[in-house]
Structure formats: structure tokens, C-alpha cells
N, C-alpha and C. Protein backbone atom coordinates (compact mmCIF):
# COMPACT_ATOMS: atom_id res chain seq x y z
N LEU A 1 198.54 104.02 124.89
CA LEU A 1 198.85 104.93 123.79
C LEU A 1 198.49 104.30 122.44
N ASP A 2 198.84 102.98 122.31
CA ASP A 2 198.54 102.29 121.07
C ASP A 2 197.04 102.22 120.81
N ARG A 3 196.26 101.97 121.88
CA ARG A 3 194.81 101.90 121.72
C ARG A 3 194.25 103.26 121.33
N GLU A 4 194.78 104.31 121.94
CA GLU A 4 194.30 105.66 121.63
C GLU A 4 194.62 106.00 120.18
N THR A 5 195.81 105.63 119.75
CA THR A 5 196.20 105.89 118.35
C THR A 5 195.31 105.11 117.38
N GLU A 6 195.01 103.85 117.74
CA GLU A 6 194.16 103.04 116.90
C GLU A 6 192.75 103.61 116.80
N ARG A 7 192.24 104.13 117.94
CA ARG A 7 190.90 104.75 117.92
C ARG A 7 190.90 105.98 117.02
N GLU A 8 191.98 106.76 117.08
CA GLU A 8 192.07 107.95 116.22
C GLU A 8 192.09 107.56 114.75
N ARG A 9 192.87 106.50 114.45
CA ARG A 9 192.93 106.04 113.06
C ARG A 9 191.58 105.53 112.56
N GLU A 10 190.88 104.79 113.44
CA GLU A 10 189.57 104.28 113.08
C GLU A 10 188.59 105.42 112.83
N GLY A 11 188.70 106.46 113.66
CA GLY A 11 187.85 107.63 113.46
C GLY A 11 188.11 108.32 112.14
N GLU A 12 189.38 108.39 111.75
CA GLU A 12 189.73 108.99 110.48
C GLU A 12 189.22 108.15 109.32
N ARG A 13 189.33 106.81 109.45
CA ARG A 13 188.82 105.93 108.40
C ARG A 13 187.32 106.08 108.22
N MET A 14 186.59 106.20 109.32
CA MET A 14 185.14 106.37 109.24
C MET A 14 184.79 107.68 108.54
N LYS A 15 185.57 108.73 108.82
CA LYS A 15 185.32 110.01 108.15
C LYS A 15 185.49 109.87 106.64
N VAL A 16 186.52 109.12 106.24
CA VAL A 16 186.76 108.92 104.81
C VAL A 16 185.62 108.14 104.17
N VAL A 17 185.15 107.08 104.86
CA VAL A 17 184.05 106.27 104.35
C VAL A 17 182.79 107.12 104.18
N VAL A 18 182.48 107.94 105.17
CA VAL A 18 181.30 108.81 105.09
C VAL A 18 181.44 109.80 103.95
N PHE A 19 182.64 110.37 103.82
CA PHE A 19 182.87 111.34 102.74
C PHE A 19 182.66 110.70 101.38
N LEU A 20 183.21 109.48 101.18
CA LEU A 20 183.08 108.80 99.90
C LEU A 20 181.64 108.44 99.60
N ALA A 21 180.91 108.04 100.64
CA ALA A 21 179.50 107.71 100.44
C ALA A 21 178.72 108.93 99.98
N VAL A 22 178.96 110.07 100.63
CA VAL A 22 178.28 111.31 100.25
C VAL A 22 178.69 111.74 98.85
N ALA A 23 179.99 111.61 98.53
CA ALA A 23 180.47 111.99 97.21
C ALA A 23 179.86 111.12 96.12
N SER A 24 179.74 109.81 96.39
CA SER A 24 179.14 108.89 95.42
C SER A 24 177.68 109.24 95.16
N LEU A 25 176.95 109.55 96.22
CA LEU A 25 175.54 109.93 96.07
C LEU A 25 175.43 111.24 95.31
N ALA A 26 176.34 112.17 95.58
CA ALA A 26 176.32 113.44 94.87
C ALA A 26 176.56 113.25 93.38
N LEU A 27 177.47 112.34 93.03
CA LEU A 27 177.72 112.04 91.63
C LEU A 27 176.49 111.46 90.96
N LEU A 28 175.83 110.54 91.65
CA LEU A 28 174.63 109.92 91.10
C LEU A 28 173.55 110.95 90.86
N LEU A 29 173.35 111.83 91.82
CA LEU A 29 172.32 112.86 91.68
C LEU A 29 172.69 113.86 90.61
N ALA A 30 173.99 114.12 90.47
CA ALA A 30 174.43 115.10 89.49
C ALA A 30 174.12 114.67 88.07
N CYS A 31 174.10 113.35 87.81
CA CYS A 31 173.80 112.87 86.46
C CYS A 31 172.35 112.45 86.33
N SER A 32 171.51 112.87 87.26
CA SER A 32 170.11 112.51 87.25
C SER A 32 169.24 113.73 87.00
N LEU A 33 167.96 113.47 86.80
CA LEU A 33 167.00 114.51 86.53
C LEU A 33 165.81 114.37 87.47
N PRO A 34 165.09 115.48 87.73
CA PRO A 34 163.89 115.36 88.56
C PRO A 34 162.93 114.33 87.96
N THR A 35 162.25 113.59 88.83
CA THR A 35 161.45 112.47 88.34
C THR A 35 159.98 112.81 88.16
N HIS A 36 159.56 114.05 88.49
CA HIS A 36 158.16 114.42 88.43
C HIS A 36 157.61 114.23 87.01
N GLY A 37 156.62 113.39 86.87
CA GLY A 37 155.96 113.17 85.59
C GLY A 37 156.74 112.30 84.62
N PHE A 38 157.85 111.74 85.04
CA PHE A 38 158.68 110.96 84.13
C PHE A 38 158.41 109.47 84.28
N GLN A 39 158.39 108.77 83.15
CA GLN A 39 158.30 107.31 83.14
C GLN A 39 159.34 106.76 82.19
N CYS A 40 160.05 105.72 82.62
CA CYS A 40 160.99 105.05 81.72
C CYS A 40 160.23 104.46 80.53
N LYS A 41 160.86 104.46 79.38
CA LYS A 41 160.21 103.91 78.19
C LYS A 41 160.18 102.38 78.26
N ASP A 42 159.08 101.82 77.85
CA ASP A 42 158.91 100.37 77.87
C ASP A 42 159.28 99.81 76.50
N VAL A 43 160.58 99.92 76.17
CA VAL A 43 161.02 99.41 74.88
C VAL A 43 161.24 97.90 75.00
N PRO A 44 160.84 97.14 74.00
CA PRO A 44 161.01 95.68 74.07
C PRO A 44 162.47 95.29 73.88
N ALA A 45 162.88 94.20 74.51
CA ALA A 45 164.23 93.69 74.34
C ALA A 45 164.39 93.09 72.94
N ALA A 46 165.59 93.15 72.41
CA ALA A 46 165.86 92.60 71.08
C ALA A 46 165.67 91.08 71.09
N SER A 47 164.87 90.58 70.19
CA SER A 47 164.57 89.14 70.16
C SER A 47 165.72 88.32 69.59
N ASN A 48 166.63 88.97 68.86
CA ASN A 48 167.74 88.25 68.22
C ASN A 48 169.04 88.37 69.03
N TRP A 49 168.94 88.80 70.30
CA TRP A 49 170.14 88.95 71.14
C TRP A 49 170.64 87.60 71.62
N ASP A 50 171.95 87.43 71.57
CA ASP A 50 172.58 86.20 72.05
C ASP A 50 173.80 86.59 72.89
N ALA A 51 173.89 86.03 74.09
CA ALA A 51 174.94 86.44 75.02
C ALA A 51 176.34 86.21 74.47
N SER A 52 176.60 85.04 73.94
CA SER A 52 177.95 84.73 73.46
C SER A 52 178.33 85.61 72.26
N SER A 53 177.36 85.92 71.41
CA SER A 53 177.63 86.78 70.26
C SER A 53 177.87 88.23 70.67
N TYR A 54 177.35 88.61 71.83
CA TYR A 54 177.48 90.00 72.29
C TYR A 54 178.84 90.26 72.94
N LEU A 55 179.55 89.21 73.34
CA LEU A 55 180.84 89.38 74.00
C LEU A 55 181.85 90.05 73.06
N GLY A 56 182.87 90.65 73.66
CA GLY A 56 183.89 91.33 72.87
C GLY A 56 183.78 92.82 73.03
N ARG A 57 184.40 93.55 72.12
CA ARG A 57 184.49 95.01 72.24
C ARG A 57 183.39 95.70 71.44
N TRP A 58 182.83 96.73 72.08
CA TRP A 58 181.87 97.63 71.44
C TRP A 58 182.37 99.06 71.59
N TYR A 59 182.21 99.84 70.52
CA TYR A 59 182.63 101.23 70.51
C TYR A 59 181.40 102.12 70.61
N GLU A 60 181.51 103.16 71.40
CA GLU A 60 180.40 104.10 71.60
C GLU A 60 180.38 105.12 70.46
N ILE A 61 179.28 105.12 69.70
CA ILE A 61 179.11 106.07 68.61
C ILE A 61 178.40 107.34 69.10
N ALA A 62 177.35 107.14 69.89
CA ALA A 62 176.60 108.28 70.43
C ALA A 62 175.91 107.85 71.72
N LYS A 63 175.50 108.84 72.50
CA LYS A 63 174.87 108.54 73.80
C LYS A 63 174.17 109.78 74.32
N TYR A 64 173.33 109.59 75.34
CA TYR A 64 172.90 110.70 76.19
C TYR A 64 174.04 110.95 77.18
N ASN A 65 174.40 112.20 77.35
CA ASN A 65 175.50 112.52 78.26
C ASN A 65 175.20 112.11 79.70
N PHE A 66 176.21 111.63 80.40
CA PHE A 66 176.10 111.37 81.83
C PHE A 66 177.47 111.55 82.45
N ILE A 67 177.49 111.83 83.76
CA ILE A 67 178.68 112.35 84.40
C ILE A 67 179.84 111.38 84.41
N PHE A 68 179.57 110.08 84.43
CA PHE A 68 180.67 109.12 84.52
C PHE A 68 181.50 109.04 83.24
N GLU A 69 181.01 109.65 82.16
CA GLU A 69 181.79 109.71 80.93
C GLU A 69 182.13 111.15 80.55
N TYR A 70 182.11 112.03 81.51
CA TYR A 70 182.36 113.44 81.22
C TYR A 70 183.73 113.64 80.60
N ASP A 71 183.78 114.31 79.46
CA ASP A 71 185.02 114.71 78.79
C ASP A 71 185.86 113.50 78.35
N LEU A 72 185.21 112.39 78.02
CA LEU A 72 185.94 111.22 77.55
C LEU A 72 185.77 111.03 76.04
N ASP A 73 186.87 110.79 75.36
CA ASP A 73 186.86 110.43 73.94
C ASP A 73 187.20 108.95 73.80
N CYS A 74 186.95 108.41 72.61
CA CYS A 74 187.38 107.04 72.27
C CYS A 74 186.78 106.00 73.22
N VAL A 75 185.57 106.22 73.70
CA VAL A 75 184.97 105.34 74.70
C VAL A 75 184.62 103.99 74.07
N ASN A 76 185.01 102.93 74.75
CA ASN A 76 184.67 101.58 74.30
C ASN A 76 184.50 100.68 75.51
N ALA A 77 183.83 99.55 75.30
CA ALA A 77 183.58 98.60 76.39
C ALA A 77 183.89 97.19 75.89
N ASN A 78 184.53 96.43 76.75
CA ASN A 78 184.86 95.04 76.42
C ASN A 78 184.12 94.11 77.37
N TYR A 79 183.36 93.18 76.80
CA TYR A 79 182.55 92.24 77.59
C TYR A 79 183.15 90.83 77.48
N SER A 80 183.31 90.17 78.62
CA SER A 80 183.91 88.83 78.64
C SER A 80 183.14 87.95 79.61
N LEU A 81 183.09 86.65 79.31
CA LEU A 81 182.39 85.71 80.18
C LEU A 81 183.31 85.27 81.31
N ARG A 82 182.82 85.39 82.55
CA ARG A 82 183.61 85.00 83.71
C ARG A 82 183.28 83.56 84.12
N ALA A 83 184.15 83.02 84.96
CA ALA A 83 183.97 81.64 85.42
C ALA A 83 182.70 81.47 86.23
N ASP A 84 182.24 82.54 86.90
CA ASP A 84 181.04 82.45 87.73
C ASP A 84 179.75 82.64 86.92
N GLY A 85 179.87 82.76 85.60
CA GLY A 85 178.70 82.91 84.76
C GLY A 85 178.29 84.35 84.51
N LYS A 86 178.87 85.29 85.25
CA LYS A 86 178.58 86.70 85.02
C LYS A 86 179.43 87.23 83.86
N ILE A 87 179.06 88.39 83.38
CA ILE A 87 179.80 89.03 82.30
C ILE A 87 180.68 90.12 82.91
N GLY A 88 181.97 90.02 82.66
CA GLY A 88 182.90 91.06 83.10
C GLY A 88 182.90 92.22 82.11
N ILE A 89 183.01 93.43 82.62
CA ILE A 89 182.97 94.63 81.78
C ILE A 89 184.19 95.49 82.08
N THR A 90 184.86 95.93 81.03
CA THR A 90 185.93 96.92 81.17
C THR A 90 185.63 98.08 80.23
N ASN A 91 185.31 99.23 80.80
CA ASN A 91 185.05 100.44 80.03
C ASN A 91 186.31 101.29 79.99
N GLU A 92 186.62 101.85 78.82
CA GLU A 92 187.81 102.69 78.68
C GLU A 92 187.49 103.94 77.88
N GLY A 93 188.21 105.00 78.16
CA GLY A 93 188.10 106.24 77.41
C GLY A 93 189.28 107.14 77.73
N ASN A 94 189.56 108.08 76.83
CA ASN A 94 190.68 108.99 77.02
C ASN A 94 190.17 110.35 77.49
N LYS A 95 190.73 110.84 78.56
CA LYS A 95 190.27 112.08 79.18
C LYS A 95 190.76 113.31 78.41
N GLY A 96 189.82 114.13 77.98
CA GLY A 96 190.16 115.43 77.42
C GLY A 96 190.45 115.46 75.94
N SER A 97 190.99 114.35 75.39
CA SER A 97 191.33 114.28 73.97
C SER A 97 191.59 112.83 73.62
N PRO A 98 191.64 112.50 72.32
CA PRO A 98 191.89 111.10 71.94
C PRO A 98 193.24 110.57 72.41
N THR A 99 194.18 111.46 72.69
CA THR A 99 195.49 111.02 73.18
C THR A 99 195.68 111.34 74.66
N GLY A 100 194.60 111.71 75.33
CA GLY A 100 194.67 112.03 76.75
C GLY A 100 194.85 110.78 77.59
N PRO A 101 195.01 110.96 78.90
CA PRO A 101 195.21 109.81 79.79
C PRO A 101 194.04 108.84 79.74
N LEU A 102 194.37 107.55 79.77
CA LEU A 102 193.35 106.51 79.70
C LEU A 102 192.67 106.34 81.05
N GLU A 103 191.33 106.36 81.03
CA GLU A 103 190.56 106.09 82.24
C GLU A 103 189.81 104.77 82.05
N THR A 104 189.81 103.95 83.10
CA THR A 104 189.22 102.62 83.03
C THR A 104 188.23 102.41 84.17
N ALA A 105 187.10 101.79 83.87
CA ALA A 105 186.12 101.41 84.89
C ALA A 105 185.81 99.93 84.70
N VAL A 106 185.87 99.17 85.79
CA VAL A 106 185.65 97.73 85.73
C VAL A 106 184.35 97.39 86.45
N GLY A 107 183.52 96.59 85.81
CA GLY A 107 182.24 96.22 86.42
C GLY A 107 181.86 94.80 86.04
N GLU A 108 180.61 94.48 86.31
CA GLU A 108 180.09 93.15 86.01
C GLU A 108 178.62 93.26 85.67
N ALA A 109 178.14 92.25 84.95
CA ALA A 109 176.73 92.23 84.56
C ALA A 109 176.15 90.84 84.80
N THR A 110 174.90 90.84 85.28
CA THR A 110 174.14 89.61 85.45
C THR A 110 173.02 89.59 84.42
N ILE A 111 172.88 88.50 83.71
CA ILE A 111 171.80 88.39 82.73
C ILE A 111 170.51 88.07 83.46
N LYS A 112 169.59 89.03 83.47
CA LYS A 112 168.30 88.83 84.15
C LYS A 112 167.32 88.08 83.25
N GLU A 113 167.37 88.39 81.97
CA GLU A 113 166.59 87.71 80.93
C GLU A 113 167.25 88.07 79.62
N PRO A 114 166.92 87.39 78.52
CA PRO A 114 167.60 87.70 77.26
C PRO A 114 167.56 89.19 76.90
N ALA A 115 168.74 89.75 76.65
CA ALA A 115 168.93 91.16 76.25
C ALA A 115 168.71 92.16 77.39
N LEU A 116 168.46 91.68 78.60
CA LEU A 116 168.31 92.57 79.74
C LEU A 116 169.32 92.17 80.81
N LEU A 117 170.25 93.07 81.09
CA LEU A 117 171.30 92.84 82.06
C LEU A 117 171.15 93.79 83.24
N GLU A 118 171.71 93.39 84.37
CA GLU A 118 171.87 94.30 85.50
C GLU A 118 173.37 94.54 85.65
N VAL A 119 173.77 95.78 85.44
CA VAL A 119 175.18 96.14 85.40
C VAL A 119 175.56 96.85 86.69
N THR A 120 176.71 96.51 87.23
CA THR A 120 177.19 97.14 88.45
C THR A 120 178.64 97.55 88.28
N PHE A 121 178.91 98.81 88.60
CA PHE A 121 180.28 99.30 88.67
C PHE A 121 180.57 99.69 90.10
N ALA A 122 181.76 99.41 90.55
CA ALA A 122 182.14 99.73 91.93
C ALA A 122 182.41 101.22 92.05
N VAL A 123 181.60 101.90 92.84
CA VAL A 123 181.83 103.30 93.21
C VAL A 123 181.98 103.29 94.72
N GLU A 124 183.20 103.09 95.18
CA GLU A 124 183.44 102.86 96.60
C GLU A 124 182.89 104.00 97.44
N PRO A 125 182.28 103.74 98.63
CA PRO A 125 182.16 102.41 99.24
C PRO A 125 180.86 101.69 98.90
N ILE A 126 180.16 102.15 97.85
CA ILE A 126 178.90 101.50 97.50
C ILE A 126 178.95 101.06 96.04
N LYS A 127 178.07 100.14 95.67
CA LYS A 127 177.92 99.73 94.28
C LYS A 127 176.53 100.12 93.81
N ILE A 128 176.47 100.69 92.61
CA ILE A 128 175.21 101.20 92.09
C ILE A 128 174.79 100.33 90.91
N PRO A 129 173.77 99.46 91.06
CA PRO A 129 173.30 98.63 89.94
C PRO A 129 172.43 99.44 88.99
N ALA A 130 172.44 99.07 87.73
CA ALA A 130 171.63 99.77 86.74
C ALA A 130 171.17 98.78 85.67
N PRO A 131 169.95 98.94 85.15
CA PRO A 131 169.50 98.08 84.06
C PRO A 131 170.21 98.44 82.76
N TYR A 132 170.36 97.44 81.92
CA TYR A 132 171.05 97.61 80.63
C TYR A 132 170.29 96.74 79.63
N LYS A 133 169.50 97.37 78.77
CA LYS A 133 168.64 96.62 77.84
C LYS A 133 169.08 96.87 76.40
N VAL A 134 169.42 95.80 75.71
CA VAL A 134 169.68 95.87 74.27
C VAL A 134 168.33 95.74 73.58
N PHE A 135 167.84 96.83 72.98
CA PHE A 135 166.49 96.80 72.42
C PHE A 135 166.48 96.70 70.90
N SER A 136 167.63 96.84 70.29
CA SER A 136 167.73 96.62 68.85
C SER A 136 169.18 96.29 68.52
N ILE A 137 169.38 95.30 67.65
CA ILE A 137 170.74 94.90 67.29
C ILE A 137 170.73 94.35 65.88
N ALA A 138 171.77 94.67 65.14
CA ALA A 138 171.86 94.19 63.76
C ALA A 138 172.01 92.67 63.74
N ASP A 139 171.50 92.04 62.70
CA ASP A 139 171.61 90.58 62.59
C ASP A 139 173.06 90.13 62.56
N ASP A 140 173.94 90.98 62.00
CA ASP A 140 175.37 90.62 61.97
C ASP A 140 176.13 91.21 63.15
N TYR A 141 175.41 91.78 64.11
CA TYR A 141 175.99 92.36 65.33
C TYR A 141 176.97 93.49 65.04
N SER A 142 176.74 94.23 63.96
CA SER A 142 177.61 95.35 63.63
C SER A 142 177.27 96.60 64.44
N TRP A 143 176.04 96.69 64.94
CA TRP A 143 175.63 97.81 65.79
C TRP A 143 174.58 97.34 66.78
N ALA A 144 174.39 98.14 67.82
CA ALA A 144 173.37 97.85 68.83
C ALA A 144 172.85 99.14 69.42
N LEU A 145 171.57 99.11 69.81
CA LEU A 145 170.95 100.22 70.55
C LEU A 145 170.65 99.74 71.96
N VAL A 146 171.09 100.52 72.94
CA VAL A 146 171.01 100.11 74.35
C VAL A 146 170.32 101.21 75.16
N TYR A 147 169.51 100.78 76.12
CA TYR A 147 168.76 101.71 76.97
C TYR A 147 168.97 101.36 78.43
N SER A 148 169.23 102.39 79.24
CA SER A 148 169.31 102.23 80.68
C SER A 148 168.48 103.32 81.33
N CYS A 149 167.57 102.93 82.20
CA CYS A 149 166.69 103.92 82.83
C CYS A 149 166.29 103.43 84.21
N SER A 150 166.38 104.31 85.18
CA SER A 150 165.95 104.02 86.56
C SER A 150 165.11 105.18 87.05
N ASN A 151 163.94 104.86 87.59
CA ASN A 151 163.01 105.88 88.07
C ASN A 151 162.87 105.75 89.58
N TYR A 152 163.42 106.72 90.31
CA TYR A 152 163.40 106.69 91.76
C TYR A 152 162.36 107.69 92.28
N VAL A 153 162.32 107.89 93.58
CA VAL A 153 161.31 108.74 94.18
C VAL A 153 161.50 110.20 93.78
N PHE A 154 162.74 110.69 93.85
CA PHE A 154 162.98 112.11 93.63
C PHE A 154 163.77 112.41 92.35
N TYR A 155 164.25 111.39 91.65
CA TYR A 155 165.05 111.65 90.47
C TYR A 155 165.01 110.42 89.56
N HIS A 156 165.49 110.63 88.33
CA HIS A 156 165.60 109.50 87.43
C HIS A 156 166.89 109.61 86.61
N THR A 157 167.35 108.49 86.09
CA THR A 157 168.47 108.48 85.16
C THR A 157 168.00 107.82 83.87
N GLU A 158 168.44 108.35 82.73
CA GLU A 158 168.05 107.80 81.44
C GLU A 158 169.21 107.98 80.47
N ILE A 159 169.68 106.86 79.90
CA ILE A 159 170.80 106.89 78.97
C ILE A 159 170.45 106.01 77.77
N VAL A 160 170.77 106.49 76.59
CA VAL A 160 170.63 105.73 75.36
C VAL A 160 172.01 105.69 74.69
N TRP A 161 172.36 104.52 74.17
CA TRP A 161 173.63 104.39 73.45
C TRP A 161 173.40 103.86 72.04
N ILE A 162 174.20 104.36 71.10
CA ILE A 162 174.42 103.70 69.81
C ILE A 162 175.82 103.11 69.88
N LEU A 163 175.91 101.78 69.74
CA LEU A 163 177.19 101.09 69.83
C LEU A 163 177.52 100.43 68.50
N SER A 164 178.82 100.24 68.28
CA SER A 164 179.28 99.64 67.04
C SER A 164 180.43 98.66 67.32
N ARG A 165 180.55 97.65 66.48
CA ARG A 165 181.67 96.72 66.58
C ARG A 165 182.97 97.34 66.06
N THR A 166 182.85 98.39 65.29
CA THR A 166 184.01 99.08 64.74
C THR A 166 184.02 100.51 65.27
N PRO A 167 185.19 101.17 65.29
CA PRO A 167 185.23 102.52 65.85
C PRO A 167 184.32 103.52 65.16
N GLU A 168 183.99 103.26 63.91
CA GLU A 168 183.12 104.18 63.18
C GLU A 168 182.08 103.39 62.39
N LEU A 169 180.92 104.00 62.21
CA LEU A 169 179.85 103.43 61.40
C LEU A 169 179.65 104.29 60.15
N PRO A 170 179.21 103.71 59.04
CA PRO A 170 178.87 104.53 57.87
C PRO A 170 177.84 105.60 58.24
N GLU A 171 177.98 106.76 57.63
CA GLU A 171 177.09 107.88 57.97
C GLU A 171 175.63 107.54 57.74
N ASP A 172 175.33 106.80 56.67
CA ASP A 172 173.93 106.47 56.41
C ASP A 172 173.37 105.51 57.45
N THR A 173 174.23 104.66 58.02
CA THR A 173 173.78 103.76 59.08
C THR A 173 173.45 104.55 60.35
N VAL A 174 174.32 105.50 60.70
CA VAL A 174 174.06 106.34 61.87
C VAL A 174 172.77 107.13 61.68
N THR A 175 172.58 107.69 60.49
CA THR A 175 171.37 108.46 60.20
C THR A 175 170.13 107.58 60.36
N HIS A 176 170.20 106.35 59.86
CA HIS A 176 169.08 105.42 59.98
C HIS A 176 168.79 105.09 61.45
N LEU A 177 169.83 104.86 62.24
CA LEU A 177 169.64 104.51 63.65
C LEU A 177 169.06 105.68 64.44
N VAL A 178 169.54 106.88 64.16
CA VAL A 178 169.00 108.06 64.84
C VAL A 178 167.54 108.25 64.47
N TYR A 179 167.21 108.04 63.20
CA TYR A 179 165.81 108.13 62.76
C TYR A 179 164.95 107.13 63.53
N ASP A 180 165.42 105.89 63.64
CA ASP A 180 164.67 104.87 64.37
C ASP A 180 164.50 105.23 65.84
N LEU A 181 165.57 105.74 66.45
CA LEU A 181 165.47 106.12 67.86
C LEU A 181 164.34 107.12 68.09
N HIS A 182 164.22 108.05 67.18
CA HIS A 182 163.19 109.09 67.36
C HIS A 182 161.81 108.63 66.90
N HIS A 183 161.71 108.12 65.67
CA HIS A 183 160.41 107.85 65.07
C HIS A 183 159.82 106.50 65.48
N THR A 184 160.67 105.51 65.75
CA THR A 184 160.16 104.19 66.14
C THR A 184 160.03 104.06 67.65
N TYR A 185 161.01 104.60 68.38
CA TYR A 185 161.05 104.40 69.83
C TYR A 185 160.73 105.64 70.65
N GLY A 186 160.65 106.81 70.01
CA GLY A 186 160.20 108.01 70.70
C GLY A 186 161.24 108.72 71.53
N PHE A 187 162.53 108.48 71.29
CA PHE A 187 163.58 109.16 72.04
C PHE A 187 163.85 110.55 71.48
N ASP A 188 164.26 111.45 72.37
CA ASP A 188 164.64 112.80 71.97
C ASP A 188 166.08 112.75 71.47
N THR A 189 166.26 112.69 70.17
CA THR A 189 167.59 112.54 69.61
C THR A 189 168.41 113.83 69.62
N SER A 190 167.79 114.95 69.97
CA SER A 190 168.56 116.19 70.11
C SER A 190 169.48 116.12 71.33
N LYS A 191 169.24 115.17 72.21
CA LYS A 191 170.07 115.00 73.41
C LYS A 191 171.27 114.10 73.17
N LEU A 192 171.37 113.53 71.96
CA LEU A 192 172.50 112.65 71.68
C LEU A 192 173.80 113.44 71.57
N SER A 193 174.84 112.88 72.13
CA SER A 193 176.19 113.43 72.02
C SER A 193 177.04 112.41 71.29
N TYR A 194 177.78 112.85 70.27
CA TYR A 194 178.54 111.92 69.43
C TYR A 194 179.98 111.83 69.94
N THR A 195 180.46 110.59 70.07
CA THR A 195 181.75 110.32 70.68
C THR A 195 182.86 110.33 69.63
N VAL A 196 183.97 110.97 69.96
CA VAL A 196 185.14 110.96 69.08
C VAL A 196 185.71 109.54 69.03
N GLN A 197 185.84 109.01 67.83
CA GLN A 197 186.42 107.68 67.61
C GLN A 197 187.29 107.73 66.36
N GLY A 198 187.99 106.65 66.07
CA GLY A 198 188.71 106.56 64.83
C GLY A 198 190.22 106.46 64.97
N SER A 199 190.91 106.80 63.89
CA SER A 199 192.36 106.59 63.81
C SER A 199 193.15 107.43 64.82
N GLN A 200 192.57 108.52 65.30
CA GLN A 200 193.27 109.36 66.27
C GLN A 200 193.27 108.77 67.67
N CYS A 201 192.45 107.73 67.89
CA CYS A 201 192.36 107.11 69.20
C CYS A 201 193.44 106.04 69.37
N ARG A 202 193.83 105.82 70.60
CA ARG A 202 194.81 104.78 70.94
C ARG A 202 194.09 103.72 71.79
N TYR A 203 193.54 102.73 71.14
CA TYR A 203 192.76 101.72 71.84
C TYR A 203 193.69 100.66 72.46
N ALA A 204 193.34 100.26 73.66
CA ALA A 204 194.09 99.18 74.30
C ALA A 204 193.78 97.87 73.58
N PRO A 205 194.71 96.93 73.54
CA PRO A 205 194.42 95.63 72.91
C PRO A 205 193.35 94.88 73.68
N GLU A 206 192.56 94.09 72.98
CA GLU A 206 191.50 93.31 73.64
C GLU A 206 192.11 92.19 74.47
């Protein structure tokens, strides 16, 4: 009887694993686009990027929308150096409103070369790695432009971020960065979505 019960439980566990795998793939595809005729942009990595200077908290000012941040306000990411040499990542945002429930995603990054990271977040039962390239950053590290793009056989993902060390950037700085994204790097800035930040947000302590 015990063996039969154990077999039934194992069968149920396998069903859950299969379901989660299918759900994870569906999420990935849902935030992707058909890949026909598409090529990731070959933007150069920022030459003034330094790993230790990049650590700490960054606030999301604008981005291309993607499903893992759907309906999140006050989005920010905290980067820390781990004992194994990798960079630990904690992403946070409030669901539905600046005072909504806090959602957290924990991941890690491997430095492949200066300003180019491979970022992985656990989406059980699989992990989905993604490139993360800092292609422009202020000399004082007050803002950064980041690009992530993956081109697969049937679909692609493409995300651009404007990040800031403070919850808000001066309007003229944002205007300048958006101009550069379009005129210098060729991005479609009409696809940018601006993130709610500021005094209405309840940020977790670093």
C-alpha cells in the first residue's frame, strides 16, 4: 500500500513539474516577438563600466515592456558581490500601484566581459539566462542604458532600460537619453514605458 501511495505521489509530482515547465515556456513566448527578419542591435559595451562601481541599487526610469514586470510600479534592482565572484540580483516592484504588494525576484549574474553580463532568474523548474549589456553610463554613474536581446529560431526578446541611481532623473536628462536611444543607437523610443517612481513608493532598505 505504501509503495502504491508513493507511486501515486510521484506521478502527481511529475504532473506538476511538466505543468510548470510548460507554463514557464508560455511566459517566455508571451513576452517575445516573431523573429522573422529581426536582428539584435550590435551596440558597443560602455568603455567606462566598472563592476564595483555598478553595485548597489538602480531605479528603473523607462523600459520596453515585458511580461515579468507586468503592472509593477517602483521597480528597482539591487546588485551585490557574492563570495563566489558572481553578482547577486534582487529585483523589486509593487503590484498594481506604488503602495501595492511587494513582488521580489532573485537572480544572479556572471560577468562575461566588461559591461556584458549573463543574468539568470529562477523560473522553476528551469532557469532562463539572458544577456545584459550596459552600453552607455554616466561618468558619475548617475544613469545607465542597458540592452538585453536574444534571437532564437522562432522568436526574439528585446528590452531596453533607462536606469538611475535615484528614483527620479531631471526631465532634461531623460529627454537627452531618449534622444540618444533613438538618434545614436537606433531604438524605437515610442515603445518605451515610463515607470512610476518617487515619494509615493515604499522602497525596501538596501
